[in-house]
Amino acid sequence: MMITVSINGASKRWSIRTGETLLSVLRREGYLSVKCGCGTGDCGACTVLYNGRAVNSCLLLAAKADGAEVRTVEGLAAGDRLHPIQEAFIDEGAVQCGYCTPGAVLSAFDLLSRNPSPTEGEIREALSGNLCRCTGYVKQVRAVQAAAERMRSDGDA
């Protein structure tokens, strides 16, 4: 089966197999920031933005992405300029080993696109689907708070 997907703003046409997940197609096509963690939607390593919302690509059949807009963490930067969320994750030391970072950044992007001034509780809820063994989440929460502040002051929210 052939599908057409807008991936990070570029139209792509891919051949997929019946029952194949979006995660497996993205990895095969070279989008390596999308990680295979648990395969059950519990860890968030495979998070992508699907029509603007954070989803677990390991649970989404690739066929459902036909005609959809998909964004990976590679699609957040504007050329050489990192997105404020990416900058904040680096500045706050919320990247550690990096395995969970793309999914957490995209979950934060989803949250801040809907709520430019989230509470700490709302940030923790938004990140709750992204398991991290390195940071203890405190740095990630601080990074989202810092990114929200930057985006509000820059008018990016």
C-alpha atoms as a PDB file:
ATOM      1  CA  MET A   1       0.000   0.000   0.000  1.00  0.00           C
ATOM      2  CA  MET A   2       1.216   3.536  -0.745  1.00  0.00           C
ATOM      3  CA  ILE A   3       0.666   6.448   1.634  1.00  0.00           C
ATOM      4  CA  THR A   4       1.440  10.130   1.336  1.00  0.00           C
ATOM      5  CA  VAL A   5       2.523  11.931   4.494  1.00  0.00           C
ATOM      6  CA  SER A   6       3.611  15.475   5.201  1.00  0.00           C
ATOM      7  CA  ILE A   7       6.673  14.861   7.359  1.00  0.00           C
ATOM      8  CA  ASN A   8       8.345  17.904   8.908  1.00  0.00           C
ATOM      9  CA  GLY A   9       6.740  20.004   6.177  1.00  0.00           C
ATOM     10  CA  ALA A  10       7.848  17.863   3.225  1.00  0.00           C
ATOM     11  CA  SER A  11       5.499  15.604   1.299  1.00  0.00           C
ATOM     12  CA  LYS A  12       6.679  11.979   1.200  1.00  0.00           C
ATOM     13  CA  ARG A  13       5.195   8.940  -0.501  1.00  0.00           C
ATOM     14  CA  TRP A  14       5.980   5.640   1.156  1.00  0.00           C
ATOM     15  CA  SER A  15       5.226   2.008   0.527  1.00  0.00           C
ATOM     16  CA  ILE A  16       4.002   0.284   3.680  1.00  0.00           C
ATOM     17  CA  ARG A  17       3.012  -3.205   4.697  1.00  0.00           C
ATOM     18  CA  THR A  18      -0.385  -4.110   6.119  1.00  0.00           C
ATOM     19  CA  GLY A  19      -0.321  -3.751   9.901  1.00  0.00           C
ATOM     20  CA  GLU A  20       2.945  -1.793   9.931  1.00  0.00           C
ATOM     21  CA  THR A  21       3.203   0.929  12.565  1.00  0.00           C
ATOM     22  CA  LEU A  22       4.129   4.510  11.873  1.00  0.00           C
ATOM     23  CA  LEU A  23       7.150   3.996  14.146  1.00  0.00           C
ATOM     24  CA  SER A  24       8.586   1.240  11.944  1.00  0.00           C
ATOM     25  CA  VAL A  25       8.043   3.270   8.764  1.00  0.00           C
ATOM     26  CA  LEU A  26       9.638   6.389  10.249  1.00  0.00           C
ATOM     27  CA  ARG A  27      12.691   4.429  11.416  1.00  0.00           C
ATOM     28  CA  ARG A  28      13.011   2.725   8.032  1.00  0.00           C
ATOM     29  CA  GLU A  29      12.811   6.117   6.316  1.00  0.00           C
ATOM     30  CA  GLY A  30      15.634   7.534   8.449  1.00  0.00           C
ATOM     31  CA  TYR A  31      13.799   9.470  11.169  1.00  0.00           C
ATOM     32  CA  LEU A  32      15.983   8.072  13.918  1.00  0.00           C
ATOM     33  CA  SER A  33      14.920  10.464  16.695  1.00  0.00           C
ATOM     34  CA  VAL A  34      11.748   8.373  16.891  1.00  0.00           C
ATOM     35  CA  LYS A  35      12.835   5.526  19.148  1.00  0.00           C
ATOM     36  CA  CYS A  36      11.482   2.044  19.724  1.00  0.00           C
ATOM     37  CA  GLY A  37      11.212   1.674  23.477  1.00  0.00           C
ATOM     38  CA  CYS A  38       8.437  -0.508  24.811  1.00  0.00           C
ATOM     39  CA  GLY A  39       6.249  -1.068  21.746  1.00  0.00           C
ATOM     40  CA  THR A  40       3.149  -0.766  23.937  1.00  0.00           C
ATOM     41  CA  GLY A  41       2.708   3.009  24.212  1.00  0.00           C
ATOM     42  CA  ASP A  42       3.955   3.208  27.777  1.00  0.00           C
ATOM     43  CA  CYS A  43       7.369   4.889  27.463  1.00  0.00           C
ATOM     44  CA  GLY A  44       6.925   7.773  25.001  1.00  0.00           C
ATOM     45  CA  ALA A  45      10.211   7.173  23.171  1.00  0.00           C
ATOM     46  CA  CYS A  46       8.277   6.952  19.896  1.00  0.00           C
ATOM     47  CA  THR A  47       6.306  10.198  20.365  1.00  0.00           C
ATOM     48  CA  VAL A  48       5.616  12.259  17.249  1.00  0.00           C
ATOM     49  CA  LEU A  49       3.226  15.091  16.488  1.00  0.00           C
ATOM     50  CA  TYR A  50       0.366  13.698  14.422  1.00  0.00           C
ATOM     51  CA  ASN A  51      -1.828  16.458  13.025  1.00  0.00           C
ATOM     52  CA  GLY A  52      -0.450  18.683  15.769  1.00  0.00           C
ATOM     53  CA  ARG A  53      -0.966  16.357  18.734  1.00  0.00           C
ATOM     54  CA  ALA A  54       1.569  14.173  20.537  1.00  0.00           C
ATOM     55  CA  VAL A  55       0.930  10.468  19.882  1.00  0.00           C
ATOM     56  CA  ASN A  56       2.790   7.192  20.354  1.00  0.00           C
ATOM     57  CA  SER A  57       3.815   6.167  16.849  1.00  0.00           C
ATOM     58  CA  CYS A  58       4.273   2.560  18.002  1.00  0.00           C
ATOM     59  CA  LEU A  59       0.481   2.350  18.433  1.00  0.00           C
ATOM     60  CA  LEU A  60      -0.521   4.133  15.232  1.00  0.00           C
ATOM     61  CA  LEU A  61      -0.896   2.106  12.077  1.00  0.00           C
ATOM     62  CA  ALA A  62       1.044   3.717   9.256  1.00  0.00           C
ATOM     63  CA  ALA A  63      -2.039   3.486   7.026  1.00  0.00           C
ATOM     64  CA  LYS A  64      -3.791   5.968   9.361  1.00  0.00           C
ATOM     65  CA  ALA A  65      -1.063   8.511   8.577  1.00  0.00           C
ATOM     66  CA  ASP A  66      -2.074   8.699   4.918  1.00  0.00           C
ATOM     67  CA  GLY A  67      -2.751  12.393   4.292  1.00  0.00           C
ATOM     68  CA  ALA A  68      -1.658  13.378   7.798  1.00  0.00           C
ATOM     69  CA  GLU A  69       0.898  15.885   9.003  1.00  0.00           C
ATOM     70  CA  VAL A  70       3.635  14.246  11.059  1.00  0.00           C
ATOM     71  CA  ARG A  71       6.383  16.121  12.843  1.00  0.00           C
ATOM     72  CA  THR A  72       9.430  14.659  14.513  1.00  0.00           C
ATOM     73  CA  VAL A  73      11.903  16.522  16.692  1.00  0.00           C
ATOM     74  CA  GLU A  74      14.006  17.107  13.555  1.00  0.00           C
ATOM     75  CA  GLY A  75      11.171  19.302  12.296  1.00  0.00           C
ATOM     76  CA  LEU A  76      11.181  21.735  15.238  1.00  0.00           C
ATOM     77  CA  ALA A  77      14.371  23.641  14.484  1.00  0.00           C
ATOM     78  CA  ALA A  78      14.357  26.471  11.962  1.00  0.00           C
ATOM     79  CA  GLY A  79      17.522  25.740  10.009  1.00  0.00           C
ATOM     80  CA  ASP A  80      20.417  26.094  12.453  1.00  0.00           C
ATOM     81  CA  ARG A  81      18.224  27.748  15.080  1.00  0.00           C
ATOM     82  CA  LEU A  82      16.869  25.345  17.670  1.00  0.00           C
ATOM     83  CA  HIS A  83      13.300  25.717  18.854  1.00  0.00           C
ATOM     84  CA  PRO A  84      13.042  27.410  22.295  1.00  0.00           C
ATOM     85  CA  ILE A  85      11.949  24.088  23.816  1.00  0.00           C
ATOM     86  CA  GLN A  86      15.056  22.349  22.465  1.00  0.00           C
ATOM     87  CA  GLU A  87      17.240  25.204  23.755  1.00  0.00           C
ATOM     88  CA  ALA A  88      15.617  25.045  27.181  1.00  0.00           C
ATOM     89  CA  PHE A  89      16.119  21.276  27.454  1.00  0.00           C
ATOM     90  CA  ILE A  90      19.828  21.789  26.746  1.00  0.00           C
ATOM     91  CA  ASP A  91      20.182  24.810  29.037  1.00  0.00           C
ATOM     92  CA  GLU A  92      18.429  23.073  31.954  1.00  0.00           C
ATOM     93  CA  GLY A  93      20.395  19.825  31.585  1.00  0.00           C
ATOM     94  CA  ALA A  94      17.237  17.889  30.745  1.00  0.00           C
ATOM     95  CA  VAL A  95      18.885  15.868  27.980  1.00  0.00           C
ATOM     96  CA  GLN A  96      21.133  13.435  29.888  1.00  0.00           C
ATOM     97  CA  CYS A  97      21.422  10.229  27.797  1.00  0.00           C
ATOM     98  CA  GLY A  98      19.017  11.611  25.187  1.00  0.00           C
ATOM     99  CA  TYR A  99      16.906   8.513  24.569  1.00  0.00           C
ATOM    100  CA  CYS A 100      13.670  10.031  25.881  1.00  0.00           C
ATOM    101  CA  THR A 101      14.469  13.618  24.918  1.00  0.00           C
ATOM    102  CA  PRO A 102      12.781  13.764  21.480  1.00  0.00           C
ATOM    103  CA  GLY A 103       9.508  12.414  22.871  1.00  0.00           C
ATOM    104  CA  ALA A 104       9.582  14.715  25.894  1.00  0.00           C
ATOM    105  CA  VAL A 105      10.348  17.741  23.698  1.00  0.00           C
ATOM    106  CA  LEU A 106       7.423  16.915  21.402  1.00  0.00           C
ATOM    107  CA  SER A 107       5.093  16.362  24.364  1.00  0.00           C
ATOM    108  CA  ALA A 108       6.168  19.765  25.704  1.00  0.00           C
ATOM    109  CA  PHE A 109       5.581  21.305  22.268  1.00  0.00           C
ATOM    110  CA  ASP A 110       2.053  19.861  22.187  1.00  0.00           C
ATOM    111  CA  LEU A 111       1.339  21.255  25.664  1.00  0.00           C
ATOM    112  CA  LEU A 112       2.761  24.728  24.989  1.00  0.00           C
ATOM    113  CA  SER A 113       0.964  25.001  21.658  1.00  0.00           C
ATOM    114  CA  ARG A 114      -2.325  24.613  23.541  1.00  0.00           C
ATOM    115  CA  ASN A 115      -1.380  26.245  26.843  1.00  0.00           C
ATOM    116  CA  PRO A 116       1.377  28.880  26.828  1.00  0.00           C
ATOM    117  CA  SER A 117       1.298  29.272  30.633  1.00  0.00           C
ATOM    118  CA  PRO A 118       0.968  25.786  32.134  1.00  0.00           C
ATOM    119  CA  THR A 119       1.200  25.074  35.836  1.00  0.00           C
ATOM    120  CA  GLU A 120       3.806  22.660  37.145  1.00  0.00           C
ATOM    121  CA  GLY A 121       1.070  20.050  37.498  1.00  0.00           C
ATOM    122  CA  GLU A 122      -0.007  20.508  33.889  1.00  0.00           C
ATOM    123  CA  ILE A 123       3.600  20.152  32.748  1.00  0.00           C
ATOM    124  CA  ARG A 124       4.043  16.979  34.775  1.00  0.00           C
ATOM    125  CA  GLU A 125       0.808  15.596  33.326  1.00  0.00           C
ATOM    126  CA  ALA A 126       1.935  16.401  29.760  1.00  0.00           C
ATOM    127  CA  LEU A 127       5.280  14.670  30.348  1.00  0.00           C
ATOM    128  CA  SER A 128       3.761  11.712  32.211  1.00  0.00           C
ATOM    129  CA  GLY A 129       3.755   9.535  29.095  1.00  0.00           C
ATOM    130  CA  ASN A 130       7.519   9.952  28.636  1.00  0.00           C
ATOM    131  CA  LEU A 131       9.609   7.716  30.855  1.00  0.00           C
ATOM    132  CA  CYS A 132      13.074   8.965  31.761  1.00  0.00           C
ATOM    133  CA  ARG A 133      15.625   7.074  33.810  1.00  0.00           C
ATOM    134  CA  CYS A 134      18.280   9.807  33.924  1.00  0.00           C
ATOM    135  CA  THR A 135      16.880  13.226  34.789  1.00  0.00           C
ATOM    136  CA  GLY A 136      14.373  12.469  37.531  1.00  0.00           C
ATOM    137  CA  TYR A 137      11.945  14.795  35.667  1.00  0.00           C
ATOM    138  CA  VAL A 138      12.819  17.909  37.713  1.00  0.00           C
ATOM    139  CA  LYS A 139      15.094  19.202  34.955  1.00  0.00           C
ATOM    140  CA  GLN A 140      12.520  18.438  32.290  1.00  0.00           C
ATOM    141  CA  VAL A 141       9.833  20.351  34.184  1.00  0.00           C
ATOM    142  CA  ARG A 142      12.203  23.293  34.616  1.00  0.00           C
ATOM    143  CA  ALA A 143      13.017  23.138  30.906  1.00  0.00           C
ATOM    144  CA  VAL A 144       9.345  23.326  29.938  1.00  0.00           C
ATOM    145  CA  GLN A 145       8.831  26.229  32.342  1.00  0.00           C
ATOM    146  CA  ALA A 146      11.833  28.049  30.843  1.00  0.00           C
ATOM    147  CA  ALA A 147      10.658  27.332  27.297  1.00  0.00           C
ATOM    148  CA  ALA A 148       7.184  28.645  28.088  1.00  0.00           C
ATOM    149  CA  GLU A 149       8.706  31.860  29.430  1.00  0.00           C
ATOM    150  CA  ARG A 150      10.936  32.247  26.352  1.00  0.00           C
ATOM    151  CA  MET A 151       8.103  31.558  23.955  1.00  0.00           C
ATOM    152  CA  ARG A 152       5.802  34.044  25.680  1.00  0.00           C
ATOM    153  CA  SER A 153       8.467  36.766  25.691  1.00  0.00           C
ATOM    154  CA  ASP A 154       9.446  36.039  22.059  1.00  0.00           C
ATOM    155  CA  GLY A 155       5.826  35.828  20.944  1.00  0.00           C
ATOM    156  CA  ASP A 156       6.236  32.209  19.799  1.00  0.00           C
ATOM    157  CA  ALA A 157       3.487  30.850  22.034  1.00  0.00           C
END
